Amino acid sequence: MTEHMDNARDNREEYRQDTVMEHEYDGIQEFDNRLPNWWMWIMWGSMVFALFYWVVFHTLELRPLPVEKFDAVMLEAQEEQLARAEAAGISNETLMMMTGIPARVAEGRELWVKHCVACHLDRGQGSVGPNLTDGFWIHGCEPMQMLNVVREGVAAKGMPAWMNQLGPTRTQTVVAYVLTLRSTEVPGKAPEGNPCSF
C-alpha cells in the first residue's frame, strides 16, 4: 500500500516537471506537459456544449436559432408599429410598412390570385389590365393613389371597385402585395401611363 502511494506521489511529481520531448525542429524542442485540470474541463465542456447545440438547434430544430428569434422580435415590433399607424389613419407610409410584414404580403397574394390574376396575370405582367411591374403607371404610383384605384375602380377601363367586396382591410392588403411587384420588370404588356420614380 505504501509502495503504491509512493508511486502515485512520484507520478504527480513527474507531471509537475517540464519534460522535454526528444524531437527537435530548427533548434526548438517541445515540452510535454500535462494540461491543467481547469483547461481540460473547459475543453471537454466546450465539445459537449457544441454537440448539444448542433443537435438541438440544427439537427432536430427543437429551438429557434438566435437570428430567427431576432427576426420574430423585429416582426412583432413592425406589426405593433403598423397597428399604431393604422389607428392614426392610412397613409403612403402605412401601406409601405405592410410590405415588410410577410403575413400581410402572403394574404395579399392570396387575394391577388383570387380576384386580380384574370386581368393582371400571375406575376402582374398585365393582360386586360396594365403591367404592374414596370415603371409606368396610369393613375399614379403612390401607394394611396393605388389604394384609391382598388377601392373605387376605374369604370372606363373595366377595373371594378373592390371596396364593397373586400372591405377596407383587405383592399389595403392587396395594395401592399402590389407594392411588392413594383420594379420587378416582368416582361409582359407594353408600358402604359407615365413613368414614376419609386
N, C-alpha and C. Protein backbone atom coordinates (compact mmCIF):
# COMPACT_ATOMS: atom_id res chain seq x y z
N MET A 1 0.84 -1.19 0.00
CA MET A 1 0.00 0.00 0.00
C MET A 1 0.88 1.26 0.00
N THR A 2 1.88 1.22 0.88
CA THR A 2 2.81 2.36 0.96
C THR A 2 3.56 2.55 -0.34
N GLU A 3 3.97 1.43 -0.95
CA GLU A 3 4.70 1.50 -2.22
C GLU A 3 3.82 2.11 -3.32
N HIS A 4 2.53 1.71 -3.31
CA HIS A 4 1.58 2.24 -4.32
C HIS A 4 1.44 3.75 -4.16
N MET A 5 1.30 4.23 -2.91
CA MET A 5 1.16 5.66 -2.67
C MET A 5 2.43 6.41 -3.09
N ASP A 6 3.59 5.79 -2.84
CA ASP A 6 4.84 6.42 -3.25
C ASP A 6 4.92 6.57 -4.76
N ASN A 7 4.45 5.51 -5.48
CA ASN A 7 4.44 5.58 -6.96
C ASN A 7 3.52 6.69 -7.45
N ALA A 8 2.32 6.78 -6.81
CA ALA A 8 1.37 7.83 -7.20
C ALA A 8 1.96 9.20 -6.96
N ARG A 9 2.64 9.33 -5.81
CA ARG A 9 3.28 10.61 -5.48
C ARG A 9 4.36 10.93 -6.51
N ASP A 10 5.13 9.91 -6.86
CA ASP A 10 6.18 10.10 -7.86
C ASP A 10 5.60 10.55 -9.19
N ASN A 11 4.43 9.94 -9.59
CA ASN A 11 3.79 10.32 -10.84
C ASN A 11 3.34 11.78 -10.81
N ARG A 12 2.80 12.18 -9.67
CA ARG A 12 2.37 13.57 -9.56
C ARG A 12 3.57 14.52 -9.68
N GLU A 13 4.65 14.14 -9.06
CA GLU A 13 5.87 14.95 -9.15
C GLU A 13 6.35 15.03 -10.60
N GLU A 14 6.19 13.92 -11.31
CA GLU A 14 6.63 13.88 -12.71
C GLU A 14 5.80 14.83 -13.56
N TYR A 15 4.48 14.91 -13.25
CA TYR A 15 3.60 15.80 -14.02
C TYR A 15 3.96 17.26 -13.79
N ARG A 16 4.51 17.54 -12.62
CA ARG A 16 4.83 18.93 -12.31
C ARG A 16 6.10 19.40 -13.02
N GLN A 17 6.85 18.49 -13.51
CA GLN A 17 8.12 18.85 -14.14
C GLN A 17 7.93 19.05 -15.64
N ASP A 18 8.73 19.91 -16.21
CA ASP A 18 8.74 20.11 -17.66
C ASP A 18 9.56 19.00 -18.29
N THR A 19 8.91 18.17 -19.09
CA THR A 19 9.59 17.09 -19.78
C THR A 19 9.84 17.51 -21.21
N VAL A 20 11.10 17.50 -21.61
CA VAL A 20 11.43 17.90 -22.98
C VAL A 20 11.35 16.68 -23.87
N MET A 21 10.62 16.80 -24.99
CA MET A 21 10.49 15.69 -25.92
C MET A 21 11.78 15.56 -26.73
N GLU A 22 11.99 14.39 -27.28
CA GLU A 22 13.25 14.08 -27.93
C GLU A 22 13.42 14.80 -29.27
N HIS A 23 12.31 15.01 -29.99
CA HIS A 23 12.47 15.60 -31.33
C HIS A 23 12.82 17.09 -31.23
N GLU A 24 13.36 17.60 -32.35
CA GLU A 24 13.80 18.99 -32.40
C GLU A 24 13.59 19.51 -33.82
N TYR A 25 13.04 20.74 -33.92
CA TYR A 25 12.83 21.36 -35.23
C TYR A 25 13.44 22.77 -35.19
N ASP A 26 14.37 23.03 -36.09
CA ASP A 26 15.02 24.33 -36.17
C ASP A 26 15.59 24.78 -34.83
N GLY A 27 16.15 23.85 -34.09
CA GLY A 27 16.75 24.19 -32.80
C GLY A 27 15.75 24.40 -31.68
N ILE A 28 14.48 24.06 -31.96
CA ILE A 28 13.44 24.25 -30.94
C ILE A 28 12.98 22.89 -30.46
N GLN A 29 12.96 22.70 -29.14
CA GLN A 29 12.44 21.48 -28.55
C GLN A 29 11.10 21.77 -27.89
N GLU A 30 10.24 20.74 -27.84
CA GLU A 30 8.88 20.90 -27.35
C GLU A 30 8.75 20.29 -25.95
N PHE A 31 8.08 21.03 -25.06
CA PHE A 31 7.78 20.49 -23.74
C PHE A 31 6.58 19.55 -23.83
N ASP A 32 6.60 18.50 -23.07
CA ASP A 32 5.47 17.57 -23.00
C ASP A 32 4.88 17.68 -21.59
N ASN A 33 4.06 18.69 -21.38
CA ASN A 33 3.48 18.94 -20.06
C ASN A 33 2.05 18.42 -20.00
N ARG A 34 1.64 17.99 -18.86
CA ARG A 34 0.24 17.63 -18.65
C ARG A 34 -0.57 18.92 -18.53
N LEU A 35 -1.66 19.00 -19.29
CA LEU A 35 -2.50 20.19 -19.25
C LEU A 35 -3.20 20.29 -17.89
N PRO A 36 -3.40 21.50 -17.38
CA PRO A 36 -4.08 21.64 -16.09
C PRO A 36 -5.54 21.18 -16.17
N ASN A 37 -6.05 20.74 -15.03
CA ASN A 37 -7.43 20.22 -15.00
C ASN A 37 -8.44 21.24 -15.47
N TRP A 38 -8.30 22.52 -15.06
CA TRP A 38 -9.29 23.53 -15.46
C TRP A 38 -9.34 23.67 -16.98
N TRP A 39 -8.19 23.55 -17.64
CA TRP A 39 -8.15 23.67 -19.10
C TRP A 39 -8.87 22.48 -19.74
N MET A 40 -8.60 21.28 -19.19
CA MET A 40 -9.25 20.07 -19.71
C MET A 40 -10.76 20.14 -19.55
N TRP A 41 -11.23 20.64 -18.38
CA TRP A 41 -12.68 20.76 -18.16
C TRP A 41 -13.31 21.72 -19.16
N ILE A 42 -12.62 22.84 -19.42
CA ILE A 42 -13.15 23.80 -20.40
C ILE A 42 -13.21 23.17 -21.78
N MET A 43 -12.15 22.45 -22.17
CA MET A 43 -12.13 21.82 -23.50
C MET A 43 -13.27 20.81 -23.65
N TRP A 44 -13.39 19.88 -22.69
CA TRP A 44 -14.44 18.87 -22.80
C TRP A 44 -15.83 19.49 -22.68
N GLY A 45 -15.96 20.48 -21.82
CA GLY A 45 -17.25 21.17 -21.69
C GLY A 45 -17.65 21.85 -22.98
N SER A 46 -16.69 22.48 -23.66
CA SER A 46 -16.97 23.15 -24.94
C SER A 46 -17.39 22.14 -26.01
N MET A 47 -16.75 20.98 -26.02
CA MET A 47 -17.10 19.96 -27.01
C MET A 47 -18.50 19.42 -26.76
N VAL A 48 -18.83 19.18 -25.50
CA VAL A 48 -20.18 18.68 -25.17
C VAL A 48 -21.23 19.72 -25.51
N PHE A 49 -20.95 20.99 -25.17
CA PHE A 49 -21.89 22.07 -25.48
C PHE A 49 -22.10 22.21 -26.98
N ALA A 50 -21.01 22.14 -27.75
CA ALA A 50 -21.11 22.27 -29.22
C ALA A 50 -21.96 21.15 -29.80
N LEU A 51 -21.77 19.94 -29.31
CA LEU A 51 -22.56 18.81 -29.80
C LEU A 51 -24.03 18.99 -29.44
N PHE A 52 -24.31 19.40 -28.20
CA PHE A 52 -25.68 19.65 -27.75
C PHE A 52 -26.33 20.74 -28.60
N TYR A 53 -25.60 21.84 -28.84
CA TYR A 53 -26.12 22.96 -29.63
C TYR A 53 -26.45 22.51 -31.05
N TRP A 54 -25.54 21.74 -31.64
CA TRP A 54 -25.76 21.27 -33.02
C TRP A 54 -27.00 20.38 -33.11
N VAL A 55 -27.15 19.47 -32.18
CA VAL A 55 -28.31 18.56 -32.21
C VAL A 55 -29.61 19.32 -31.98
N VAL A 56 -29.64 20.18 -30.98
CA VAL A 56 -30.89 20.87 -30.61
C VAL A 56 -31.29 21.90 -31.65
N PHE A 57 -30.34 22.73 -32.12
CA PHE A 57 -30.68 23.85 -32.99
C PHE A 57 -30.63 23.51 -34.48
N HIS A 58 -29.73 22.61 -34.89
CA HIS A 58 -29.56 22.36 -36.32
C HIS A 58 -30.11 21.01 -36.79
N THR A 59 -29.93 19.96 -35.99
CA THR A 59 -30.35 18.63 -36.43
C THR A 59 -31.84 18.41 -36.16
N LEU A 60 -32.24 18.52 -34.90
CA LEU A 60 -33.64 18.28 -34.53
C LEU A 60 -34.50 19.54 -34.62
N GLU A 61 -33.85 20.71 -34.67
CA GLU A 61 -34.55 22.00 -34.75
C GLU A 61 -35.61 22.14 -33.66
N LEU A 62 -35.22 21.81 -32.43
CA LEU A 62 -36.14 21.90 -31.29
C LEU A 62 -36.32 23.34 -30.81
N ARG A 63 -35.34 24.16 -31.07
CA ARG A 63 -35.37 25.57 -30.66
C ARG A 63 -35.01 26.45 -31.85
N PRO A 64 -35.56 27.67 -31.89
CA PRO A 64 -35.19 28.58 -32.99
C PRO A 64 -33.77 29.11 -32.80
N LEU A 65 -33.10 29.33 -33.91
CA LEU A 65 -31.76 29.92 -33.87
C LEU A 65 -31.86 31.37 -33.40
N PRO A 66 -30.80 31.91 -32.82
CA PRO A 66 -30.85 33.30 -32.36
C PRO A 66 -31.28 34.28 -33.44
N VAL A 67 -30.81 34.08 -34.67
CA VAL A 67 -31.19 35.00 -35.75
C VAL A 67 -32.69 34.90 -36.06
N GLU A 68 -33.26 33.70 -35.95
CA GLU A 68 -34.69 33.53 -36.16
C GLU A 68 -35.49 34.20 -35.05
N LYS A 69 -34.97 34.08 -33.82
CA LYS A 69 -35.61 34.74 -32.69
C LYS A 69 -35.60 36.25 -32.87
N PHE A 70 -34.46 36.77 -33.33
CA PHE A 70 -34.34 38.20 -33.58
C PHE A 70 -35.33 38.65 -34.64
N ASP A 71 -35.42 37.88 -35.74
CA ASP A 71 -36.37 38.22 -36.81
C ASP A 71 -37.80 38.24 -36.30
N ALA A 72 -38.15 37.28 -35.42
CA ALA A 72 -39.51 37.23 -34.86
C ALA A 72 -39.79 38.45 -34.00
N VAL A 73 -38.82 38.86 -33.20
CA VAL A 73 -38.99 40.05 -32.35
C VAL A 73 -39.14 41.30 -33.21
N MET A 74 -38.32 41.40 -34.26
CA MET A 74 -38.40 42.56 -35.16
C MET A 74 -39.74 42.60 -35.89
N LEU A 75 -40.23 41.43 -36.31
CA LEU A 75 -41.53 41.37 -36.99
C LEU A 75 -42.65 41.80 -36.05
N GLU A 76 -42.58 41.35 -34.81
CA GLU A 76 -43.59 41.75 -33.82
C GLU A 76 -43.57 43.27 -33.62
N ALA A 77 -42.37 43.83 -33.57
CA ALA A 77 -42.26 45.29 -33.42
C ALA A 77 -42.84 46.01 -34.64
N GLN A 78 -42.60 45.47 -35.84
CA GLN A 78 -43.16 46.06 -37.07
C GLN A 78 -44.68 46.03 -37.03
N GLU A 79 -45.24 44.90 -36.58
CA GLU A 79 -46.69 44.77 -36.53
C GLU A 79 -47.30 45.76 -35.53
N GLU A 80 -46.63 45.95 -34.40
CA GLU A 80 -47.11 46.93 -33.42
C GLU A 80 -47.05 48.34 -33.99
N GLN A 81 -45.96 48.63 -34.70
CA GLN A 81 -45.81 49.94 -35.32
C GLN A 81 -46.89 50.16 -36.38
N LEU A 82 -47.17 49.11 -37.17
CA LEU A 82 -48.21 49.20 -38.19
C LEU A 82 -49.58 49.41 -37.56
N ALA A 83 -49.87 48.72 -36.45
CA ALA A 83 -51.16 48.87 -35.77
C ALA A 83 -51.35 50.31 -35.29
N ARG A 84 -50.28 50.91 -34.77
CA ARG A 84 -50.37 52.31 -34.33
C ARG A 84 -50.59 53.23 -35.53
N ALA A 85 -49.90 52.95 -36.63
CA ALA A 85 -50.04 53.78 -37.83
C ALA A 85 -51.44 53.66 -38.41
N GLU A 86 -51.99 52.44 -38.42
CA GLU A 86 -53.35 52.24 -38.95
C GLU A 86 -54.38 52.96 -38.08
N ALA A 87 -54.14 52.96 -36.77
CA ALA A 87 -55.06 53.66 -35.87
C ALA A 87 -55.05 55.17 -36.14
N ALA A 88 -53.91 55.68 -36.57
CA ALA A 88 -53.79 57.11 -36.87
C ALA A 88 -54.33 57.45 -38.25
N GLY A 89 -54.58 56.45 -39.09
CA GLY A 89 -55.09 56.68 -40.44
C GLY A 89 -54.15 56.13 -41.49
N ILE A 90 -54.73 55.64 -42.59
CA ILE A 90 -53.94 55.05 -43.67
C ILE A 90 -53.20 56.15 -44.44
N SER A 91 -51.92 55.89 -44.73
CA SER A 91 -51.10 56.84 -45.49
C SER A 91 -50.15 56.05 -46.38
N ASN A 92 -49.38 56.75 -47.19
CA ASN A 92 -48.36 56.09 -48.01
C ASN A 92 -47.40 55.28 -47.14
N GLU A 93 -47.00 55.88 -46.02
CA GLU A 93 -46.06 55.22 -45.12
C GLU A 93 -46.66 53.94 -44.52
N THR A 94 -47.94 54.00 -44.17
CA THR A 94 -48.61 52.83 -43.58
C THR A 94 -48.64 51.68 -44.57
N LEU A 95 -49.00 51.98 -45.80
CA LEU A 95 -49.06 50.94 -46.82
C LEU A 95 -47.68 50.35 -47.10
N MET A 96 -46.65 51.19 -47.09
CA MET A 96 -45.29 50.69 -47.29
C MET A 96 -44.85 49.81 -46.12
N MET A 97 -45.29 50.15 -44.90
CA MET A 97 -44.97 49.31 -43.74
C MET A 97 -45.53 47.90 -43.90
N MET A 98 -46.71 47.80 -44.50
CA MET A 98 -47.35 46.49 -44.69
C MET A 98 -46.50 45.58 -45.56
N THR A 99 -45.74 46.16 -46.48
CA THR A 99 -44.93 45.32 -47.37
C THR A 99 -43.80 44.62 -46.61
N GLY A 100 -43.49 45.09 -45.40
CA GLY A 100 -42.44 44.46 -44.61
C GLY A 100 -42.95 43.37 -43.68
N ILE A 101 -44.25 43.08 -43.74
CA ILE A 101 -44.83 42.05 -42.86
C ILE A 101 -45.25 40.87 -43.73
N PRO A 102 -44.49 39.77 -43.67
CA PRO A 102 -44.74 38.63 -44.57
C PRO A 102 -46.18 38.11 -44.53
N ALA A 103 -46.82 38.11 -43.37
CA ALA A 103 -48.19 37.59 -43.27
C ALA A 103 -49.15 38.45 -44.08
N ARG A 104 -48.97 39.77 -44.05
CA ARG A 104 -49.85 40.67 -44.82
C ARG A 104 -49.59 40.49 -46.31
N VAL A 105 -48.33 40.36 -46.70
CA VAL A 105 -48.00 40.17 -48.11
C VAL A 105 -48.56 38.84 -48.61
N ALA A 106 -48.45 37.79 -47.80
CA ALA A 106 -48.97 36.46 -48.19
C ALA A 106 -50.49 36.51 -48.34
N GLU A 107 -51.16 37.21 -47.42
CA GLU A 107 -52.62 37.35 -47.53
C GLU A 107 -52.99 38.14 -48.78
N GLY A 108 -52.21 39.19 -49.05
CA GLY A 108 -52.44 39.98 -50.27
C GLY A 108 -52.25 39.15 -51.52
N ARG A 109 -51.26 38.26 -51.49
CA ARG A 109 -51.02 37.36 -52.62
C ARG A 109 -52.23 36.44 -52.85
N GLU A 110 -52.80 35.91 -51.77
CA GLU A 110 -53.97 35.03 -51.89
C GLU A 110 -55.15 35.79 -52.51
N LEU A 111 -55.38 37.02 -52.05
CA LEU A 111 -56.46 37.84 -52.61
C LEU A 111 -56.18 38.17 -54.07
N TRP A 112 -54.91 38.43 -54.38
CA TRP A 112 -54.50 38.71 -55.76
C TRP A 112 -54.84 37.54 -56.67
N VAL A 113 -54.47 36.34 -56.25
CA VAL A 113 -54.71 35.15 -57.06
C VAL A 113 -56.22 34.94 -57.26
N LYS A 114 -56.99 35.23 -56.25
CA LYS A 114 -58.44 35.00 -56.31
C LYS A 114 -59.16 36.04 -57.17
N HIS A 115 -58.71 37.31 -57.10
CA HIS A 115 -59.50 38.38 -57.72
C HIS A 115 -58.81 39.12 -58.86
N CYS A 116 -57.48 39.13 -58.91
CA CYS A 116 -56.77 40.04 -59.82
C CYS A 116 -56.05 39.37 -60.99
N VAL A 117 -55.79 38.07 -60.85
CA VAL A 117 -54.98 37.36 -61.86
C VAL A 117 -55.64 37.38 -63.24
N ALA A 118 -56.95 37.37 -63.29
CA ALA A 118 -57.64 37.32 -64.58
C ALA A 118 -57.26 38.50 -65.49
N CYS A 119 -57.05 39.66 -64.89
CA CYS A 119 -56.73 40.84 -65.70
C CYS A 119 -55.25 41.23 -65.69
N HIS A 120 -54.55 40.90 -64.60
CA HIS A 120 -53.16 41.34 -64.47
C HIS A 120 -52.15 40.18 -64.56
N LEU A 121 -52.64 38.97 -64.65
CA LEU A 121 -51.83 37.75 -64.70
C LEU A 121 -51.08 37.50 -63.38
N ASP A 122 -50.51 36.33 -63.30
CA ASP A 122 -49.98 35.84 -62.03
C ASP A 122 -48.89 36.73 -61.44
N ARG A 123 -47.97 37.21 -62.26
CA ARG A 123 -46.84 37.99 -61.76
C ARG A 123 -47.03 39.49 -61.96
N GLY A 124 -48.24 39.89 -62.34
CA GLY A 124 -48.53 41.31 -62.51
C GLY A 124 -48.10 41.88 -63.83
N GLN A 125 -47.80 41.00 -64.82
CA GLN A 125 -47.25 41.47 -66.09
C GLN A 125 -48.30 42.04 -67.04
N GLY A 126 -49.57 41.95 -66.67
CA GLY A 126 -50.63 42.61 -67.43
C GLY A 126 -51.21 41.78 -68.55
N SER A 127 -52.53 41.93 -68.73
CA SER A 127 -53.26 41.29 -69.83
C SER A 127 -54.33 42.28 -70.26
N VAL A 128 -55.52 42.16 -69.68
CA VAL A 128 -56.54 43.20 -69.88
C VAL A 128 -56.11 44.45 -69.12
N GLY A 129 -55.65 44.23 -67.88
CA GLY A 129 -55.14 45.34 -67.06
C GLY A 129 -53.69 45.62 -67.39
N PRO A 130 -53.17 46.75 -66.90
CA PRO A 130 -51.79 47.14 -67.21
C PRO A 130 -50.75 46.28 -66.51
N ASN A 131 -49.53 46.37 -67.02
CA ASN A 131 -48.38 45.72 -66.38
C ASN A 131 -48.05 46.50 -65.11
N LEU A 132 -48.07 45.84 -63.97
CA LEU A 132 -47.81 46.50 -62.68
C LEU A 132 -46.37 46.34 -62.22
N THR A 133 -45.53 45.76 -63.07
CA THR A 133 -44.15 45.52 -62.66
C THR A 133 -43.16 46.49 -63.31
N ASP A 134 -43.63 47.28 -64.28
CA ASP A 134 -42.72 48.23 -64.92
C ASP A 134 -42.76 49.57 -64.19
N GLY A 135 -42.10 50.56 -64.73
CA GLY A 135 -42.03 51.87 -64.08
C GLY A 135 -43.06 52.86 -64.56
N PHE A 136 -44.13 52.37 -65.23
CA PHE A 136 -45.15 53.27 -65.78
C PHE A 136 -46.49 53.01 -65.10
N TRP A 137 -47.17 54.11 -64.71
CA TRP A 137 -48.46 53.96 -64.01
C TRP A 137 -49.46 54.94 -64.60
N ILE A 138 -50.67 54.46 -64.77
CA ILE A 138 -51.72 55.26 -65.42
C ILE A 138 -52.34 56.24 -64.43
N HIS A 139 -52.61 55.79 -63.22
CA HIS A 139 -53.34 56.61 -62.24
C HIS A 139 -52.48 57.02 -61.05
N GLY A 140 -51.17 57.05 -61.24
CA GLY A 140 -50.27 57.46 -60.16
C GLY A 140 -49.66 56.25 -59.46
N CYS A 141 -48.42 56.42 -59.03
CA CYS A 141 -47.70 55.27 -58.45
C CYS A 141 -47.52 55.38 -56.94
N GLU A 142 -48.09 56.40 -56.33
CA GLU A 142 -48.01 56.48 -54.88
C GLU A 142 -48.96 55.45 -54.26
N PRO A 143 -48.59 54.89 -53.13
CA PRO A 143 -49.44 53.85 -52.51
C PRO A 143 -50.89 54.28 -52.31
N MET A 144 -51.12 55.52 -51.86
CA MET A 144 -52.50 55.98 -51.63
C MET A 144 -53.27 56.11 -52.94
N GLN A 145 -52.58 56.47 -54.02
CA GLN A 145 -53.25 56.53 -55.34
C GLN A 145 -53.65 55.13 -55.79
N MET A 146 -52.76 54.15 -55.54
CA MET A 146 -53.11 52.76 -55.87
C MET A 146 -54.31 52.29 -55.06
N LEU A 147 -54.30 52.64 -53.78
CA LEU A 147 -55.41 52.23 -52.91
C LEU A 147 -56.74 52.80 -53.41
N ASN A 148 -56.72 54.05 -53.84
CA ASN A 148 -57.95 54.67 -54.35
C ASN A 148 -58.45 53.96 -55.60
N VAL A 149 -57.52 53.55 -56.48
CA VAL A 149 -57.92 52.83 -57.69
C VAL A 149 -58.55 51.49 -57.33
N VAL A 150 -57.95 50.78 -56.38
CA VAL A 150 -58.50 49.48 -55.98
C VAL A 150 -59.85 49.66 -55.29
N ARG A 151 -59.97 50.67 -54.45
CA ARG A 151 -61.23 50.90 -53.73
C ARG A 151 -62.36 51.29 -54.68
N GLU A 152 -62.08 52.30 -55.52
CA GLU A 152 -63.15 52.93 -56.31
C GLU A 152 -63.25 52.37 -57.73
N GLY A 153 -62.18 51.71 -58.20
CA GLY A 153 -62.20 51.17 -59.55
C GLY A 153 -62.04 52.25 -60.61
N VAL A 154 -61.96 51.81 -61.84
CA VAL A 154 -61.91 52.72 -63.00
C VAL A 154 -62.86 52.14 -64.03
N ALA A 155 -64.09 52.60 -63.99
CA ALA A 155 -65.15 52.03 -64.83
C ALA A 155 -64.79 52.09 -66.31
N ALA A 156 -64.18 53.20 -66.75
CA ALA A 156 -63.86 53.38 -68.17
C ALA A 156 -62.85 52.34 -68.65
N LYS A 157 -62.04 51.81 -67.76
CA LYS A 157 -61.01 50.84 -68.13
C LYS A 157 -61.41 49.40 -67.78
N GLY A 158 -62.60 49.23 -67.20
CA GLY A 158 -63.04 47.89 -66.83
C GLY A 158 -62.52 47.42 -65.47
N MET A 159 -61.95 48.33 -64.70
CA MET A 159 -61.44 47.99 -63.36
C MET A 159 -62.58 48.14 -62.35
N PRO A 160 -63.01 47.04 -61.73
CA PRO A 160 -64.12 47.13 -60.77
C PRO A 160 -63.68 47.79 -59.46
N ALA A 161 -64.65 48.32 -58.75
CA ALA A 161 -64.40 48.86 -57.41
C ALA A 161 -64.45 47.70 -56.42
N TRP A 162 -63.36 47.49 -55.68
CA TRP A 162 -63.27 46.32 -54.81
C TRP A 162 -63.62 46.61 -53.35
N MET A 163 -63.88 47.87 -53.03
CA MET A 163 -64.12 48.23 -51.63
C MET A 163 -65.31 47.46 -51.04
N ASN A 164 -66.40 47.38 -51.77
CA ASN A 164 -67.60 46.71 -51.24
C ASN A 164 -67.40 45.20 -51.11
N GLN A 165 -66.59 44.61 -51.99
CA GLN A 165 -66.40 43.16 -51.95
C GLN A 165 -65.34 42.75 -50.93
N LEU A 166 -64.27 43.53 -50.84
CA LEU A 166 -63.15 43.14 -49.98
C LEU A 166 -63.13 43.83 -48.62
N GLY A 167 -63.72 45.02 -48.56
CA GLY A 167 -63.66 45.78 -47.31
C GLY A 167 -62.34 46.55 -47.21
N PRO A 168 -62.25 47.46 -46.24
CA PRO A 168 -61.07 48.33 -46.17
C PRO A 168 -59.76 47.60 -45.88
N THR A 169 -59.78 46.64 -44.96
CA THR A 169 -58.53 45.98 -44.58
C THR A 169 -57.96 45.16 -45.72
N ARG A 170 -58.82 44.41 -46.39
CA ARG A 170 -58.32 43.53 -47.45
C ARG A 170 -57.90 44.31 -48.70
N THR A 171 -58.54 45.46 -48.96
CA THR A 171 -58.07 46.28 -50.09
C THR A 171 -56.66 46.81 -49.80
N GLN A 172 -56.42 47.19 -48.55
CA GLN A 172 -55.08 47.66 -48.17
C GLN A 172 -54.06 46.52 -48.32
N THR A 173 -54.49 45.31 -47.96
CA THR A 173 -53.60 44.16 -48.04
C THR A 173 -53.23 43.84 -49.49
N VAL A 174 -54.20 43.95 -50.39
CA VAL A 174 -53.92 43.73 -51.82
C VAL A 174 -52.93 44.77 -52.32
N VAL A 175 -53.13 46.02 -51.93
CA VAL A 175 -52.22 47.08 -52.36
C VAL A 175 -50.81 46.82 -51.83
N ALA A 176 -50.72 46.33 -50.59
CA ALA A 176 -49.40 46.00 -50.03
C ALA A 176 -48.71 44.96 -50.90
N TYR A 177 -49.47 43.97 -51.39
CA TYR A 177 -48.86 42.97 -52.27
C TYR A 177 -48.46 43.60 -53.61
N VAL A 178 -49.31 44.45 -54.17
CA VAL A 178 -48.99 45.11 -55.45
C VAL A 178 -47.72 45.93 -55.32
N LEU A 179 -47.52 46.55 -54.17
CA LEU A 179 -46.31 47.34 -53.96
C LEU A 179 -45.05 46.48 -54.03
N THR A 180 -45.18 45.20 -53.69
CA THR A 180 -44.01 44.31 -53.79
C THR A 180 -43.72 43.93 -55.24
N LEU A 181 -44.68 44.15 -56.14
CA LEU A 181 -44.47 43.83 -57.56
C LEU A 181 -43.75 44.96 -58.31
N ARG A 182 -43.80 46.16 -57.74
CA ARG A 182 -43.20 47.31 -58.43
C ARG A 182 -41.72 47.07 -58.70
N SER A 183 -41.31 47.50 -59.88
CA SER A 183 -39.89 47.45 -60.31
C SER A 183 -39.34 46.04 -60.46
N THR A 184 -40.21 45.02 -60.51
CA THR A 184 -39.70 43.67 -60.76
C THR A 184 -39.49 43.44 -62.26
N GLU A 185 -40.05 44.31 -63.09
CA GLU A 185 -39.81 44.32 -64.54
C GLU A 185 -40.04 42.96 -65.19
N VAL A 186 -41.21 42.40 -64.96
CA VAL A 186 -41.58 41.13 -65.61
C VAL A 186 -42.01 41.44 -67.04
N PRO A 187 -41.44 40.76 -68.04
CA PRO A 187 -41.85 41.01 -69.43
C PRO A 187 -43.35 40.71 -69.59
N GLY A 188 -44.03 41.63 -70.24
CA GLY A 188 -45.47 41.43 -70.43
C GLY A 188 -46.04 42.55 -71.28
N LYS A 189 -47.17 43.06 -70.86
CA LYS A 189 -47.87 44.10 -71.61
C LYS A 189 -46.99 45.35 -71.72
N ALA A 190 -47.11 46.04 -72.84
CA ALA A 190 -46.31 47.25 -73.07
C ALA A 190 -46.63 48.32 -72.03
N PRO A 191 -45.65 49.16 -71.70
CA PRO A 191 -45.89 50.20 -70.68
C PRO A 191 -47.04 51.13 -71.08
N GLU A 192 -47.79 51.55 -70.05
CA GLU A 192 -48.90 52.49 -70.23
C GLU A 192 -48.78 53.56 -69.15
N GLY A 193 -49.22 54.76 -69.48
CA GLY A 193 -49.22 55.83 -68.49
C GLY A 193 -47.91 56.58 -68.45
N ASN A 194 -47.63 57.11 -67.28
CA ASN A 194 -46.46 57.97 -67.10
C ASN A 194 -45.38 57.28 -66.27
N PRO A 195 -44.12 57.58 -66.56
CA PRO A 195 -43.05 56.97 -65.76
C PRO A 195 -43.08 57.51 -64.33
N CYS A 196 -42.75 56.62 -63.40
CA CYS A 196 -42.71 57.01 -61.98
C CYS A 196 -41.36 56.63 -61.41
N SER A 197 -40.88 57.47 -60.50
CA SER A 197 -39.66 57.10 -59.77
C SER A 197 -40.10 56.71 -58.36
N PHE A 198 -39.72 55.51 -57.94
CA PHE A 198 -40.19 55.00 -56.67
C PHE A 198 -39.22 55.37 -55.57
